[in-house]
Amino acid sequence: MVLKLYGWHKSTYTQRIAMVLHKKQVPFEFVMVDLFKSESKTPEYLEHQPFGQVLYIDNDGFILYESRAICLYIAEKYANQGTPNLLPTKDVKSRVMFEEASFIETSDFEVW
């Protein structure tokens, strides 16, 4: 089963995941969630994304719905394909500096 990315094409969260999928050369199916039709609020959607927000992935029944967690999952699960070393692995200092930058981006640069 091909990985499915459920999202809104203009969402920076959706674009973030699509970029990582492309970098890691992971085939995926994009499933558009139309926010103007409140598709993220349907009971079927809420079964997979309990906050009713865009987005989530379904990777052969494994569901994730937080964009940074999804990116980490993709980078680690598909570490041996596509662009190498999306995540630092050499030492703990490199890894926590990466995480620090991610937390800063989350807290200070995300546009609502």
PDB file of N, CA and C in Angstrom:
ATOM      1  N   MET A   1       0.846  -1.187   0.000  1.00  0.00           N
ATOM      2  CA  MET A   1       0.000   0.000   0.000  1.00  0.00           C
ATOM      3  C   MET A   1       0.887   1.245   0.000  1.00  0.00           C
ATOM      4  N   VAL A   2       0.575   2.195  -0.845  1.00  0.00           N
ATOM      5  CA  VAL A   2       1.351   3.423  -0.928  1.00  0.00           C
ATOM      6  C   VAL A   2       0.954   4.359   0.222  1.00  0.00           C
ATOM      7  N   LEU A   3       1.915   5.074   0.740  1.00  0.00           N
ATOM      8  CA  LEU A   3       1.674   6.048   1.800  1.00  0.00           C
ATOM      9  C   LEU A   3       0.693   7.096   1.285  1.00  0.00           C
ATOM     10  N   LYS A   4      -0.253   7.487   2.129  1.00  0.00           N
ATOM     11  CA  LYS A   4      -1.228   8.513   1.761  1.00  0.00           C
ATOM     12  C   LYS A   4      -1.026   9.731   2.653  1.00  0.00           C
ATOM     13  N   LEU A   5      -0.965  10.881   2.018  1.00  0.00           N
ATOM     14  CA  LEU A   5      -0.864  12.160   2.709  1.00  0.00           C
ATOM     15  C   LEU A   5      -2.181  12.891   2.528  1.00  0.00           C
ATOM     16  N   TYR A   6      -2.904  13.062   3.634  1.00  0.00           N
ATOM     17  CA  TYR A   6      -4.169  13.783   3.626  1.00  0.00           C
ATOM     18  C   TYR A   6      -3.884  15.211   4.049  1.00  0.00           C
ATOM     19  N   GLY A   7      -4.201  16.183   3.182  1.00  0.00           N
ATOM     20  CA  GLY A   7      -3.905  17.559   3.529  1.00  0.00           C
ATOM     21  C   GLY A   7      -4.532  18.567   2.585  1.00  0.00           C
ATOM     22  N   TRP A   8      -4.239  19.804   2.855  1.00  0.00           N
ATOM     23  CA  TRP A   8      -4.688  20.950   2.061  1.00  0.00           C
ATOM     24  C   TRP A   8      -3.467  21.438   1.306  1.00  0.00           C
ATOM     25  N   HIS A   9      -3.573  21.570  -0.004  1.00  0.00           N
ATOM     26  CA  HIS A   9      -2.421  21.873  -0.848  1.00  0.00           C
ATOM     27  C   HIS A   9      -1.724  23.185  -0.507  1.00  0.00           C
ATOM     28  N   LYS A  10      -2.404  24.130   0.089  1.00  0.00           N
ATOM     29  CA  LYS A  10      -1.800  25.411   0.431  1.00  0.00           C
ATOM     30  C   LYS A  10      -1.248  25.458   1.855  1.00  0.00           C
ATOM     31  N   SER A  11      -1.423  24.397   2.598  1.00  0.00           N
ATOM     32  CA  SER A  11      -0.962  24.349   3.980  1.00  0.00           C
ATOM     33  C   SER A  11       0.562  24.182   4.037  1.00  0.00           C
ATOM     34  N   THR A  12       1.227  25.015   4.825  1.00  0.00           N
ATOM     35  CA  THR A  12       2.679  24.860   4.987  1.00  0.00           C
ATOM     36  C   THR A  12       3.009  23.536   5.659  1.00  0.00           C
ATOM     37  N   TYR A  13       2.116  23.023   6.493  1.00  0.00           N
ATOM     38  CA  TYR A  13       2.332  21.734   7.138  1.00  0.00           C
ATOM     39  C   TYR A  13       2.326  20.617   6.095  1.00  0.00           C
ATOM     40  N   THR A  14       1.347  20.653   5.198  1.00  0.00           N
ATOM     41  CA  THR A  14       1.255  19.669   4.127  1.00  0.00           C
ATOM     42  C   THR A  14       2.472  19.779   3.206  1.00  0.00           C
ATOM     43  N   GLN A  15       2.856  20.993   2.866  1.00  0.00           N
ATOM     44  CA  GLN A  15       4.012  21.206   1.992  1.00  0.00           C
ATOM     45  C   GLN A  15       5.304  20.715   2.638  1.00  0.00           C
ATOM     46  N   ARG A  16       5.432  20.887   3.942  1.00  0.00           N
ATOM     47  CA  ARG A  16       6.612  20.414   4.674  1.00  0.00           C
ATOM     48  C   ARG A  16       6.759  18.897   4.503  1.00  0.00           C
ATOM     49  N   ILE A  17       5.669  18.183   4.689  1.00  0.00           N
ATOM     50  CA  ILE A  17       5.721  16.722   4.585  1.00  0.00           C
ATOM     51  C   ILE A  17       5.965  16.290   3.141  1.00  0.00           C
ATOM     52  N   ALA A  18       5.296  16.936   2.196  1.00  0.00           N
ATOM     53  CA  ALA A  18       5.501  16.598   0.785  1.00  0.00           C
ATOM     54  C   ALA A  18       6.961  16.798   0.390  1.00  0.00           C
ATOM     55  N   MET A  19       7.593  17.848   0.892  1.00  0.00           N
ATOM     56  CA  MET A  19       9.002  18.106   0.591  1.00  0.00           C
ATOM     57  C   MET A  19       9.885  16.964   1.100  1.00  0.00           C
ATOM     58  N   VAL A  20       9.650  16.513   2.331  1.00  0.00           N
ATOM     59  CA  VAL A  20      10.445  15.418   2.892  1.00  0.00           C
ATOM     60  C   VAL A  20      10.184  14.128   2.114  1.00  0.00           C
ATOM     61  N   LEU A  21       8.938  13.872   1.755  1.00  0.00           N
ATOM     62  CA  LEU A  21       8.626  12.687   0.951  1.00  0.00           C
ATOM     63  C   LEU A  21       9.372  12.720  -0.382  1.00  0.00           C
ATOM     64  N   HIS A  22       9.406  13.878  -1.012  1.00  0.00           N
ATOM     65  CA  HIS A  22      10.135  14.006  -2.282  1.00  0.00           C
ATOM     66  C   HIS A  22      11.640  13.831  -2.076  1.00  0.00           C
ATOM     67  N   LYS A  23      12.181  14.452  -1.037  1.00  0.00           N
ATOM     68  CA  LYS A  23      13.619  14.336  -0.763  1.00  0.00           C
ATOM     69  C   LYS A  23      14.026  12.889  -0.500  1.00  0.00           C
ATOM     70  N   LYS A  24      13.162  12.151   0.176  1.00  0.00           N
ATOM     71  CA  LYS A  24      13.459  10.748   0.486  1.00  0.00           C
ATOM     72  C   LYS A  24      12.967   9.801  -0.611  1.00  0.00           C
ATOM     73  N   GLN A  25      12.418  10.355  -1.689  1.00  0.00           N
ATOM     74  CA  GLN A  25      11.944   9.587  -2.842  1.00  0.00           C
ATOM     75  C   GLN A  25      10.944   8.503  -2.430  1.00  0.00           C
ATOM     76  N   VAL A  26      10.018   8.906  -1.579  1.00  0.00           N
ATOM     77  CA  VAL A  26       8.970   8.000  -1.108  1.00  0.00           C
ATOM     78  C   VAL A  26       7.720   8.223  -1.965  1.00  0.00           C
ATOM     79  N   PRO A  27       7.282   7.196  -2.679  1.00  0.00           N
ATOM     80  CA  PRO A  27       6.038   7.360  -3.435  1.00  0.00           C
ATOM     81  C   PRO A  27       4.868   7.570  -2.480  1.00  0.00           C
ATOM     82  N   PHE A  28       3.982   8.469  -2.848  1.00  0.00           N
ATOM     83  CA  PHE A  28       2.819   8.722  -1.993  1.00  0.00           C
ATOM     84  C   PHE A  28       1.652   9.198  -2.829  1.00  0.00           C
ATOM     85  N   GLU A  29       0.482   9.039  -2.239  1.00  0.00           N
ATOM     86  CA  GLU A  29      -0.746   9.537  -2.843  1.00  0.00           C
ATOM     87  C   GLU A  29      -1.207  10.730  -2.014  1.00  0.00           C
ATOM     88  N   PHE A  30      -1.465  11.847  -2.687  1.00  0.00           N
ATOM     89  CA  PHE A  30      -1.980  13.021  -2.001  1.00  0.00           C
ATOM     90  C   PHE A  30      -3.498  12.984  -2.036  1.00  0.00           C
ATOM     91  N   VAL A  31      -4.117  13.091  -0.868  1.00  0.00           N
ATOM     92  CA  VAL A  31      -5.573  13.112  -0.757  1.00  0.00           C
ATOM     93  C   VAL A  31      -5.965  14.501  -0.257  1.00  0.00           C
ATOM     94  N   MET A  32      -6.618  15.256  -1.131  1.00  0.00           N
ATOM     95  CA  MET A  32      -6.999  16.625  -0.802  1.00  0.00           C
ATOM     96  C   MET A  32      -8.106  16.649   0.244  1.00  0.00           C
ATOM     97  N   VAL A  33      -7.899  17.446   1.276  1.00  0.00           N
ATOM     98  CA  VAL A  33      -8.905  17.683   2.309  1.00  0.00           C
ATOM     99  C   VAL A  33      -9.376  19.125   2.094  1.00  0.00           C
ATOM    100  N   ASP A  34     -10.588  19.292   1.639  1.00  0.00           N
ATOM    101  CA  ASP A  34     -11.112  20.614   1.311  1.00  0.00           C
ATOM    102  C   ASP A  34     -11.600  21.305   2.582  1.00  0.00           C
ATOM    103  N   LEU A  35     -10.832  22.277   3.016  1.00  0.00           N
ATOM    104  CA  LEU A  35     -11.181  23.002   4.241  1.00  0.00           C
ATOM    105  C   LEU A  35     -12.428  23.857   4.060  1.00  0.00           C
ATOM    106  N   PHE A  36     -12.674  24.328   2.832  1.00  0.00           N
ATOM    107  CA  PHE A  36     -13.850  25.150   2.586  1.00  0.00           C
ATOM    108  C   PHE A  36     -15.145  24.343   2.686  1.00  0.00           C
ATOM    109  N   LYS A  37     -15.025  23.035   2.562  1.00  0.00           N
ATOM    110  CA  LYS A  37     -16.186  22.155   2.709  1.00  0.00           C
ATOM    111  C   LYS A  37     -16.181  21.456   4.073  1.00  0.00           C
ATOM    112  N   SER A  38     -15.312  21.906   4.964  1.00  0.00           N
ATOM    113  CA  SER A  38     -15.195  21.349   6.323  1.00  0.00           C
ATOM    114  C   SER A  38     -14.937  19.848   6.331  1.00  0.00           C
ATOM    115  N   GLU A  39     -14.195  19.360   5.339  1.00  0.00           N
ATOM    116  CA  GLU A  39     -13.910  17.927   5.268  1.00  0.00           C
ATOM    117  C   GLU A  39     -13.058  17.434   6.430  1.00  0.00           C
ATOM    118  N   SER A  40     -12.340  18.334   7.086  1.00  0.00           N
ATOM    119  CA  SER A  40     -11.521  17.924   8.232  1.00  0.00           C
ATOM    120  C   SER A  40     -12.352  17.773   9.511  1.00  0.00           C
ATOM    121  N   LYS A  41     -13.637  18.040   9.421  1.00  0.00           N
ATOM    122  CA  LYS A  41     -14.514  17.937  10.590  1.00  0.00           C
ATOM    123  C   LYS A  41     -15.486  16.765  10.501  1.00  0.00           C
ATOM    124  N   THR A  42     -15.393  15.969   9.440  1.00  0.00           N
ATOM    125  CA  THR A  42     -16.298  14.831   9.295  1.00  0.00           C
ATOM    126  C   THR A  42     -15.933  13.736  10.292  1.00  0.00           C
ATOM    127  N   PRO A  43     -16.889  12.930  10.692  1.00  0.00           N
ATOM    128  CA  PRO A  43     -16.587  11.832  11.622  1.00  0.00           C
ATOM    129  C   PRO A  43     -15.497  10.891  11.097  1.00  0.00           C
ATOM    130  N   GLU A  44     -15.497  10.623   9.785  1.00  0.00           N
ATOM    131  CA  GLU A  44     -14.492   9.730   9.200  1.00  0.00           C
ATOM    132  C   GLU A  44     -13.096  10.322   9.334  1.00  0.00           C
ATOM    133  N   TYR A  45     -12.972  11.631   9.073  1.00  0.00           N
ATOM    134  CA  TYR A  45     -11.676  12.292   9.182  1.00  0.00           C
ATOM    135  C   TYR A  45     -11.215  12.336  10.634  1.00  0.00           C
ATOM    136  N   LEU A  46     -12.130  12.652  11.529  1.00  0.00           N
ATOM    137  CA  LEU A  46     -11.796  12.774  12.955  1.00  0.00           C
ATOM    138  C   LEU A  46     -11.345  11.442  13.568  1.00  0.00           C
ATOM    139  N   GLU A  47     -11.682  10.338  12.940  1.00  0.00           N
ATOM    140  CA  GLU A  47     -11.184   9.046  13.414  1.00  0.00           C
ATOM    141  C   GLU A  47      -9.665   8.957  13.299  1.00  0.00           C
ATOM    142  N   HIS A  48      -9.103   9.695  12.347  1.00  0.00           N
ATOM    143  CA  HIS A  48      -7.659   9.649  12.107  1.00  0.00           C
ATOM    144  C   HIS A  48      -6.935  10.898  12.593  1.00  0.00           C
ATOM    145  N   GLN A  49      -7.634  12.016  12.655  1.00  0.00           N
ATOM    146  CA  GLN A  49      -7.045  13.279  13.101  1.00  0.00           C
ATOM    147  C   GLN A  49      -8.009  13.878  14.122  1.00  0.00           C
ATOM    148  N   PRO A  50      -7.841  13.513  15.407  1.00  0.00           N
ATOM    149  CA  PRO A  50      -8.838  13.871  16.421  1.00  0.00           C
ATOM    150  C   PRO A  50      -9.018  15.366  16.671  1.00  0.00           C
ATOM    151  N   PHE A  51      -8.093  16.201  16.198  1.00  0.00           N
ATOM    152  CA  PHE A  51      -8.226  17.645  16.395  1.00  0.00           C
ATOM    153  C   PHE A  51      -8.952  18.318  15.234  1.00  0.00           C
ATOM    154  N   GLY A  52      -9.255  17.542  14.172  1.00  0.00           N
ATOM    155  CA  GLY A  52      -9.970  18.096  13.031  1.00  0.00           C
ATOM    156  C   GLY A  52      -9.160  19.096  12.243  1.00  0.00           C
ATOM    157  N   GLN A  53      -7.845  18.959  12.287  1.00  0.00           N
ATOM    158  CA  GLN A  53      -6.950  19.865  11.573  1.00  0.00           C
ATOM    159  C   GLN A  53      -6.338  19.137  10.384  1.00  0.00           C
ATOM    160  N   VAL A  54      -5.809  19.925   9.468  1.00  0.00           N
ATOM    161  CA  VAL A  54      -5.033  19.343   8.384  1.00  0.00           C
ATOM    162  C   VAL A  54      -3.684  19.058   9.013  1.00  0.00           C
ATOM    163  N   LEU A  55      -3.305  17.934   9.054  1.00  0.00           N
ATOM    164  CA  LEU A  55      -3.173  16.880   8.108  1.00  0.00           C
ATOM    165  C   LEU A  55      -2.919  15.580   8.819  1.00  0.00           C
ATOM    166  N   TYR A  56      -2.778  14.494   8.050  1.00  0.00           N
ATOM    167  CA  TYR A  56      -2.288  13.236   8.607  1.00  0.00           C
ATOM    168  C   TYR A  56      -1.771  12.352   7.489  1.00  0.00           C
ATOM    169  N   ILE A  57      -0.995  11.340   7.880  1.00  0.00           N
ATOM    170  CA  ILE A  57      -0.562  10.335   6.918  1.00  0.00           C
ATOM    171  C   ILE A  57      -1.115   8.983   7.353  1.00  0.00           C
ATOM    172  N   ASP A  58      -1.284   8.130   6.359  1.00  0.00           N
ATOM    173  CA  ASP A  58      -1.639   6.733   6.586  1.00  0.00           C
ATOM    174  C   ASP A  58      -0.596   5.915   5.836  1.00  0.00           C
ATOM    175  N   ASN A  59       0.268   5.258   6.575  1.00  0.00           N
ATOM    176  CA  ASN A  59       1.308   4.428   5.977  1.00  0.00           C
ATOM    177  C   ASN A  59       1.001   2.975   6.310  1.00  0.00           C
ATOM    178  N   ASP A  60       0.188   2.365   5.468  1.00  0.00           N
ATOM    179  CA  ASP A  60      -0.211   0.970   5.637  1.00  0.00           C
ATOM    180  C   ASP A  60      -0.869   0.738   6.995  1.00  0.00           C
ATOM    181  N   GLY A  61      -1.768   1.674   7.361  1.00  0.00           N
ATOM    182  CA  GLY A  61      -2.499   1.563   8.620  1.00  0.00           C
ATOM    183  C   GLY A  61      -1.860   2.278   9.797  1.00  0.00           C
ATOM    184  N   PHE A  62      -0.622   2.748   9.642  1.00  0.00           N
ATOM    185  CA  PHE A  62       0.037   3.520  10.694  1.00  0.00           C
ATOM    186  C   PHE A  62      -0.304   4.990  10.466  1.00  0.00           C
ATOM    187  N   ILE A  63      -0.998   5.601  11.418  1.00  0.00           N
ATOM    188  CA  ILE A  63      -1.498   6.967  11.291  1.00  0.00           C
ATOM    189  C   ILE A  63      -0.675   7.901  12.173  1.00  0.00           C
ATOM    190  N   LEU A  64      -0.237   9.014  11.575  1.00  0.00           N
ATOM    191  CA  LEU A  64       0.405  10.105  12.323  1.00  0.00           C
ATOM    192  C   LEU A  64      -0.224  11.411  11.867  1.00  0.00           C
ATOM    193  N   TYR A  65      -0.337  12.392  12.790  1.00  0.00           N
ATOM    194  CA  TYR A  65      -0.989  13.641  12.404  1.00  0.00           C
ATOM    195  C   TYR A  65      -0.293  14.896  12.898  1.00  0.00           C
ATOM    196  N   GLU A  66       0.942  14.841  13.260  1.00  0.00           N
ATOM    197  CA  GLU A  66       1.712  16.042  13.613  1.00  0.00           C
ATOM    198  C   GLU A  66       2.849  16.154  12.609  1.00  0.00           C
ATOM    199  N   SER A  67       2.951  17.297  11.932  1.00  0.00           N
ATOM    200  CA  SER A  67       3.847  17.404  10.772  1.00  0.00           C
ATOM    201  C   SER A  67       5.309  17.123  11.097  1.00  0.00           C
ATOM    202  N   ARG A  68       5.811  17.620  12.199  1.00  0.00           N
ATOM    203  CA  ARG A  68       7.224  17.379  12.516  1.00  0.00           C
ATOM    204  C   ARG A  68       7.472  15.915  12.877  1.00  0.00           C
ATOM    205  N   ALA A  69       6.542  15.310  13.588  1.00  0.00           N
ATOM    206  CA  ALA A  69       6.664  13.882  13.900  1.00  0.00           C
ATOM    207  C   ALA A  69       6.624  13.065  12.609  1.00  0.00           C
ATOM    208  N   ILE A  70       5.765  13.462  11.680  1.00  0.00           N
ATOM    209  CA  ILE A  70       5.693  12.769  10.390  1.00  0.00           C
ATOM    210  C   ILE A  70       7.015  12.899   9.641  1.00  0.00           C
ATOM    211  N   CYS A  71       7.584  14.087   9.622  1.00  0.00           N
ATOM    212  CA  CYS A  71       8.873  14.290   8.938  1.00  0.00           C
ATOM    213  C   CYS A  71       9.969  13.436   9.565  1.00  0.00           C
ATOM    214  N   LEU A  72      10.012  13.371  10.881  1.00  0.00           N
ATOM    215  CA  LEU A  72      11.004  12.524  11.556  1.00  0.00           C
ATOM    216  C   LEU A  72      10.788  11.059  11.206  1.00  0.00           C
ATOM    217  N   TYR A  73       9.551  10.633  11.202  1.00  0.00           N
ATOM    218  CA  TYR A  73       9.209   9.254  10.853  1.00  0.00           C
ATOM    219  C   TYR A  73       9.698   8.919   9.447  1.00  0.00           C
ATOM    220  N   ILE A  74       9.396   9.781   8.491  1.00  0.00           N
ATOM    221  CA  ILE A  74       9.804   9.546   7.101  1.00  0.00           C
ATOM    222  C   ILE A  74      11.317   9.527   6.977  1.00  0.00           C
ATOM    223  N   ALA A  75      11.982  10.509   7.604  1.00  0.00           N
ATOM    224  CA  ALA A  75      13.437  10.591   7.517  1.00  0.00           C
ATOM    225  C   ALA A  75      14.104   9.341   8.092  1.00  0.00           C
ATOM    226  N   GLU A  76      13.564   8.813   9.171  1.00  0.00           N
ATOM    227  CA  GLU A  76      14.166   7.632   9.793  1.00  0.00           C
ATOM    228  C   GLU A  76      13.735   6.338   9.121  1.00  0.00           C
ATOM    229  N   LYS A  77      12.465   6.213   8.776  1.00  0.00           N
ATOM    230  CA  LYS A  77      11.987   4.976   8.147  1.00  0.00           C
ATOM    231  C   LYS A  77      12.634   4.762   6.784  1.00  0.00           C
ATOM    232  N   TYR A  78      12.841   5.845   6.039  1.00  0.00           N
ATOM    233  CA  TYR A  78      13.396   5.757   4.692  1.00  0.00           C
ATOM    234  C   TYR A  78      14.814   6.339   4.644  1.00  0.00           C
ATOM    235  N   ALA A  79      15.573   6.114   5.694  1.00  0.00           N
ATOM    236  CA  ALA A  79      16.917   6.690   5.814  1.00  0.00           C
ATOM    237  C   ALA A  79      17.844   6.274   4.680  1.00  0.00           C
ATOM    238  N   ASN A  80      17.653   5.086   4.123  1.00  0.00           N
ATOM    239  CA  ASN A  80      18.575   4.573   3.114  1.00  0.00           C
ATOM    240  C   ASN A  80      18.148   4.868   1.683  1.00  0.00           C
ATOM    241  N   GLN A  81      17.221   5.790   1.494  1.00  0.00           N
ATOM    242  CA  GLN A  81      16.847   6.157   0.126  1.00  0.00           C
ATOM    243  C   GLN A  81      16.745   7.664   0.011  1.00  0.00           C
ATOM    244  N   GLY A  82      16.855   8.142  -1.221  1.00  0.00           N
ATOM    245  CA  GLY A  82      16.752   9.575  -1.475  1.00  0.00           C
ATOM    246  C   GLY A  82      17.901  10.355  -0.861  1.00  0.00           C
ATOM    247  N   THR A  83      17.622  11.595  -0.525  1.00  0.00           N
ATOM    248  CA  THR A  83      18.628  12.476   0.064  1.00  0.00           C
ATOM    249  C   THR A  83      19.101  11.900   1.391  1.00  0.00           C
ATOM    250  N   PRO A  84      20.401  11.669   1.517  1.00  0.00           N
ATOM    251  CA  PRO A  84      20.909  11.099   2.778  1.00  0.00           C
ATOM    252  C   PRO A  84      20.961  12.140   3.894  1.00  0.00           C
ATOM    253  N   ASN A  85      20.941  11.649   5.104  1.00  0.00           N
ATOM    254  CA  ASN A  85      21.221  12.470   6.294  1.00  0.00           C
ATOM    255  C   ASN A  85      20.332  13.695   6.451  1.00  0.00           C
ATOM    256  N   LEU A  86      19.027  13.504   6.337  1.00  0.00           N
ATOM    257  CA  LEU A  86      18.141  14.622   6.656  1.00  0.00           C
ATOM    258  C   LEU A  86      18.180  14.937   8.149  1.00  0.00           C
ATOM    259  N   LEU A  87      18.566  13.951   8.932  1.00  0.00           N
ATOM    260  CA  LEU A  87      18.705  14.133  10.375  1.00  0.00           C
ATOM    261  C   LEU A  87      20.158  13.891  10.767  1.00  0.00           C
ATOM    262  N   PRO A  88      20.693  14.723  11.645  1.00  0.00           N
ATOM    263  CA  PRO A  88      22.060  14.464  12.112  1.00  0.00           C
ATOM    264  C   PRO A  88      22.099  13.201  12.960  1.00  0.00           C
ATOM    265  N   THR A  89      23.129  12.407  12.751  1.00  0.00           N
ATOM    266  CA  THR A  89      23.243  11.154  13.503  1.00  0.00           C
ATOM    267  C   THR A  89      24.611  10.975  14.145  1.00  0.00           C
ATOM    268  N   LYS A  90      25.519  11.897  13.930  1.00  0.00           N
ATOM    269  CA  LYS A  90      26.894  11.700  14.390  1.00  0.00           C
ATOM    270  C   LYS A  90      27.037  11.715  15.900  1.00  0.00           C
ATOM    271  N   ASP A  91      26.400  12.664  16.542  1.00  0.00           N
ATOM    272  CA  ASP A  91      26.558  12.754  17.993  1.00  0.00           C
ATOM    273  C   ASP A  91      25.365  13.464  18.609  1.00  0.00           C
ATOM    274  N   VAL A  92      25.282  13.372  19.904  1.00  0.00           N
ATOM    275  CA  VAL A  92      24.142  13.937  20.626  1.00  0.00           C
ATOM    276  C   VAL A  92      24.075  15.456  20.465  1.00  0.00           C
ATOM    277  N   LYS A  93      25.210  16.152  20.426  1.00  0.00           N
ATOM    278  CA  LYS A  93      25.190  17.613  20.289  1.00  0.00           C
ATOM    279  C   LYS A  93      24.582  18.033  18.949  1.00  0.00           C
ATOM    280  N   SER A  94      24.944  17.328  17.885  1.00  0.00           N
ATOM    281  CA  SER A  94      24.371  17.648  16.570  1.00  0.00           C
ATOM    282  C   SER A  94      22.866  17.424  16.563  1.00  0.00           C
ATOM    283  N   ARG A  95      22.451  16.327  17.167  1.00  0.00           N
ATOM    284  CA  ARG A  95      21.019  15.996  17.178  1.00  0.00           C
ATOM    285  C   ARG A  95      20.222  17.021  17.986  1.00  0.00           C
ATOM    286  N   VAL A  96      20.701  17.405  19.162  1.00  0.00           N
ATOM    287  CA  VAL A  96      19.930  18.354  19.966  1.00  0.00           C
ATOM    288  C   VAL A  96      19.961  19.753  19.361  1.00  0.00           C
ATOM    289  N   MET A  97      21.023  20.105  18.632  1.00  0.00           N
ATOM    290  CA  MET A  97      21.034  21.394  17.938  1.00  0.00           C
ATOM    291  C   MET A  97      19.985  21.409  16.830  1.00  0.00           C
ATOM    292  N   PHE A  98      19.824  20.268  16.165  1.00  0.00           N
ATOM    293  CA  PHE A  98      18.758  20.132  15.167  1.00  0.00           C
ATOM    294  C   PHE A  98      17.398  20.296  15.843  1.00  0.00           C
ATOM    295  N   GLU A  99      17.191  19.610  16.952  1.00  0.00           N
ATOM    296  CA  GLU A  99      15.918  19.695  17.670  1.00  0.00           C
ATOM    297  C   GLU A  99      15.668  21.119  18.170  1.00  0.00           C
ATOM    298  N   GLU A 100      16.707  21.776  18.655  1.00  0.00           N
ATOM    299  CA  GLU A 100      16.564  23.150  19.116  1.00  0.00           C
ATOM    300  C   GLU A 100      16.057  24.050  17.986  1.00  0.00           C
ATOM    301  N   ALA A 101      16.659  23.917  16.800  1.00  0.00           N
ATOM    302  CA  ALA A 101      16.225  24.714  15.652  1.00  0.00           C
ATOM    303  C   ALA A 101      14.775  24.402  15.297  1.00  0.00           C
ATOM    304  N   SER A 102      14.397  23.136  15.392  1.00  0.00           N
ATOM    305  CA  SER A 102      13.018  22.735  15.108  1.00  0.00           C
ATOM    306  C   SER A 102      12.053  23.360  16.115  1.00  0.00           C
ATOM    307  N   PHE A 103      12.414  23.356  17.383  1.00  0.00           N
ATOM    308  CA  PHE A 103      11.556  23.954  18.413  1.00  0.00           C
ATOM    309  C   PHE A 103      11.433  25.467  18.225  1.00  0.00           C
ATOM    310  N   ILE A 104      12.536  26.111  17.860  1.00  0.00           N
ATOM    311  CA  ILE A 104      12.499  27.552  17.618  1.00  0.00           C
ATOM    312  C   ILE A 104      11.570  27.857  16.450  1.00  0.00           C
ATOM    313  N   GLU A 105      11.695  27.072  15.382  1.00  0.00           N
ATOM    314  CA  GLU A 105      10.840  27.265  14.214  1.00  0.00           C
ATOM    315  C   GLU A 105       9.376  27.085  14.595  1.00  0.00           C
ATOM    316  N   THR A 106       9.088  26.093  15.408  1.00  0.00           N
ATOM    317  CA  THR A 106       7.725  25.822  15.852  1.00  0.00           C
ATOM    318  C   THR A 106       7.169  27.006  16.632  1.00  0.00           C
ATOM    319  N   SER A 107       7.958  27.537  17.540  1.00  0.00           N
ATOM    320  CA  SER A 107       7.486  28.552  18.471  1.00  0.00           C
ATOM    321  C   SER A 107       7.516  29.965  17.895  1.00  0.00           C
ATOM    322  N   ASP A 108       8.478  30.244  17.021  1.00  0.00           N
ATOM    323  CA  ASP A 108       8.701  31.623  16.637  1.00  0.00           C
ATOM    324  C   ASP A 108       8.455  31.973  15.170  1.00  0.00           C
ATOM    325  N   PHE A 109       8.418  30.976  14.294  1.00  0.00           N
ATOM    326  CA  PHE A 109       8.337  31.307  12.872  1.00  0.00           C
ATOM    327  C   PHE A 109       7.108  30.751  12.163  1.00  0.00           C
ATOM    328  N   GLU A 110       6.366  29.897  12.789  1.00  0.00           N
ATOM    329  CA  GLU A 110       5.194  29.310  12.132  1.00  0.00           C
ATOM    330  C   GLU A 110       4.127  30.383  11.937  1.00  0.00           C
ATOM    331  N   VAL A 111       3.628  30.498  10.730  1.00  0.00           N
ATOM    332  CA  VAL A 111       2.607  31.505  10.401  1.00  0.00           C
ATOM    333  C   VAL A 111       1.237  30.853  10.517  1.00  0.00           C
ATOM    334  N   TRP A 112       0.340  31.510  11.187  1.00  0.00           N
ATOM    335  CA  TRP A 112      -1.024  30.990  11.322  1.00  0.00           C
ATOM    336  C   TRP A 112      -1.898  31.619  10.314  1.00  0.00           C
TER     337      TRP A 112
END
